[in-house]
Amino acid sequence: MMQQSQETAVGNETVPKGQLFVLGDNRRYSTDSRHIGAIPLEKVIGTTNIVFFPISKMKMILLRIIASF
């Protein structure tokens, strides 16, 4: 049996190109894309070092530092 999609601030299926759907780490109480919509990539200021879900794809991410002088 197929589950029915939940409607979010982004819609119910596709995140627009150039944007991210973000979830907080405390999903019951986080204000995230389910409430405020997708986040434009140019608004993202952080990075990640670890991917831990799905567990089968857990990995460390090496940072590339690009400096311009």
C-alpha atoms as a PDB file:
ATOM      1  CA  MET A   1       0.000   0.000   0.000  1.00  0.00           C
ATOM      2  CA  MET A   2       1.414   3.418  -0.979  1.00  0.00           C
ATOM      3  CA  GLN A   3       1.517   6.162   1.641  1.00  0.00           C
ATOM      4  CA  GLN A   4      -0.157   9.443   0.844  1.00  0.00           C
ATOM      5  CA  SER A   5       2.271  12.402   0.627  1.00  0.00           C
ATOM      6  CA  GLN A   6       2.049  15.045   3.305  1.00  0.00           C
ATOM      7  CA  GLU A   7       1.625  18.621   2.208  1.00  0.00           C
ATOM      8  CA  THR A   8       4.455  20.907   3.372  1.00  0.00           C
ATOM      9  CA  ALA A   9       5.410  24.531   2.778  1.00  0.00           C
ATOM     10  CA  VAL A  10       7.284  23.294  -0.332  1.00  0.00           C
ATOM     11  CA  GLY A  11       4.366  21.288  -1.668  1.00  0.00           C
ATOM     12  CA  ASN A  12       4.152  17.542  -1.528  1.00  0.00           C
ATOM     13  CA  GLU A  13       6.702  16.119  -3.962  1.00  0.00           C
ATOM     14  CA  THR A  14       9.512  18.159  -5.539  1.00  0.00           C
ATOM     15  CA  VAL A  15      11.984  20.645  -4.073  1.00  0.00           C
ATOM     16  CA  PRO A  16      12.656  23.456  -6.564  1.00  0.00           C
ATOM     17  CA  LYS A  17      16.018  23.436  -8.375  1.00  0.00           C
ATOM     18  CA  GLY A  18      18.663  25.479  -6.554  1.00  0.00           C
ATOM     19  CA  GLN A  19      17.012  25.009  -3.173  1.00  0.00           C
ATOM     20  CA  LEU A  20      17.293  22.591  -0.241  1.00  0.00           C
ATOM     21  CA  PHE A  21      14.695  20.903   1.927  1.00  0.00           C
ATOM     22  CA  VAL A  22      16.177  20.943   5.437  1.00  0.00           C
ATOM     23  CA  LEU A  23      15.076  19.070   8.533  1.00  0.00           C
ATOM     24  CA  GLY A  24      16.024  19.947  12.087  1.00  0.00           C
ATOM     25  CA  ASP A  25      17.585  17.371  14.382  1.00  0.00           C
ATOM     26  CA  ASN A  26      14.595  17.479  16.745  1.00  0.00           C
ATOM     27  CA  ARG A  27      11.900  16.911  14.144  1.00  0.00           C
ATOM     28  CA  ARG A  28       8.919  17.219  16.490  1.00  0.00           C
ATOM     29  CA  TYR A  29       9.950  20.677  17.632  1.00  0.00           C
ATOM     30  CA  SER A  30      12.196  22.025  14.865  1.00  0.00           C
ATOM     31  CA  THR A  31      11.090  24.848  12.623  1.00  0.00           C
ATOM     32  CA  ASP A  32      12.377  23.582   9.296  1.00  0.00           C
ATOM     33  CA  SER A  33      11.417  23.308   5.623  1.00  0.00           C
ATOM     34  CA  ARG A  34       8.184  21.548   6.534  1.00  0.00           C
ATOM     35  CA  HIS A  35       7.088  24.898   7.993  1.00  0.00           C
ATOM     36  CA  ILE A  36       9.143  27.614   6.270  1.00  0.00           C
ATOM     37  CA  GLY A  37       9.675  26.069   2.846  1.00  0.00           C
ATOM     38  CA  ALA A  38      12.786  25.305   0.822  1.00  0.00           C
ATOM     39  CA  ILE A  39      16.008  27.234   1.452  1.00  0.00           C
ATOM     40  CA  PRO A  40      17.816  28.894  -1.499  1.00  0.00           C
ATOM     41  CA  LEU A  41      21.383  27.548  -1.859  1.00  0.00           C
ATOM     42  CA  GLU A  42      22.840  31.072  -1.649  1.00  0.00           C
ATOM     43  CA  LYS A  43      21.430  31.354   1.911  1.00  0.00           C
ATOM     44  CA  VAL A  44      23.351  28.287   3.146  1.00  0.00           C
ATOM     45  CA  ILE A  45      26.353  29.317   5.241  1.00  0.00           C
ATOM     46  CA  GLY A  46      27.326  26.055   6.945  1.00  0.00           C
ATOM     47  CA  THR A  47      28.999  22.831   5.948  1.00  0.00           C
ATOM     48  CA  THR A  48      28.901  19.244   7.145  1.00  0.00           C
ATOM     49  CA  ASN A  49      31.652  16.774   7.903  1.00  0.00           C
ATOM     50  CA  ILE A  50      29.650  13.596   8.449  1.00  0.00           C
ATOM     51  CA  VAL A  51      26.806  11.898   6.572  1.00  0.00           C
ATOM     52  CA  PHE A  52      25.136   9.461   8.957  1.00  0.00           C
ATOM     53  CA  PHE A  53      21.874   8.577   7.242  1.00  0.00           C
ATOM     54  CA  PRO A  54      21.147   6.295   5.625  1.00  0.00           C
ATOM     55  CA  ILE A  55      23.466   4.191   7.749  1.00  0.00           C
ATOM     56  CA  SER A  56      24.541   2.172   4.704  1.00  0.00           C
ATOM     57  CA  LYS A  57      26.043   5.380   3.233  1.00  0.00           C
ATOM     58  CA  MET A  58      27.669   6.731   6.418  1.00  0.00           C
ATOM     59  CA  LYS A  59      30.876   8.609   5.583  1.00  0.00           C
ATOM     60  CA  MET A  60      33.215  11.450   6.485  1.00  0.00           C
ATOM     61  CA  ILE A  61      33.409  14.378   4.086  1.00  0.00           C
ATOM     62  CA  LEU A  62      36.808  15.920   3.425  1.00  0.00           C
ATOM     63  CA  LEU A  63      36.742  19.693   3.357  1.00  0.00           C
ATOM     64  CA  ARG A  64      38.210  21.496   0.373  1.00  0.00           C
ATOM     65  CA  ILE A  65      39.422  24.919   1.335  1.00  0.00           C
ATOM     66  CA  ILE A  66      39.570  27.333  -1.562  1.00  0.00           C
ATOM     67  CA  ALA A  67      41.331  30.571  -0.822  1.00  0.00           C
ATOM     68  CA  SER A  68      41.570  33.542  -3.096  1.00  0.00           C
ATOM     69  CA  PHE A  69      44.207  36.160  -2.434  1.00  0.00           C
END
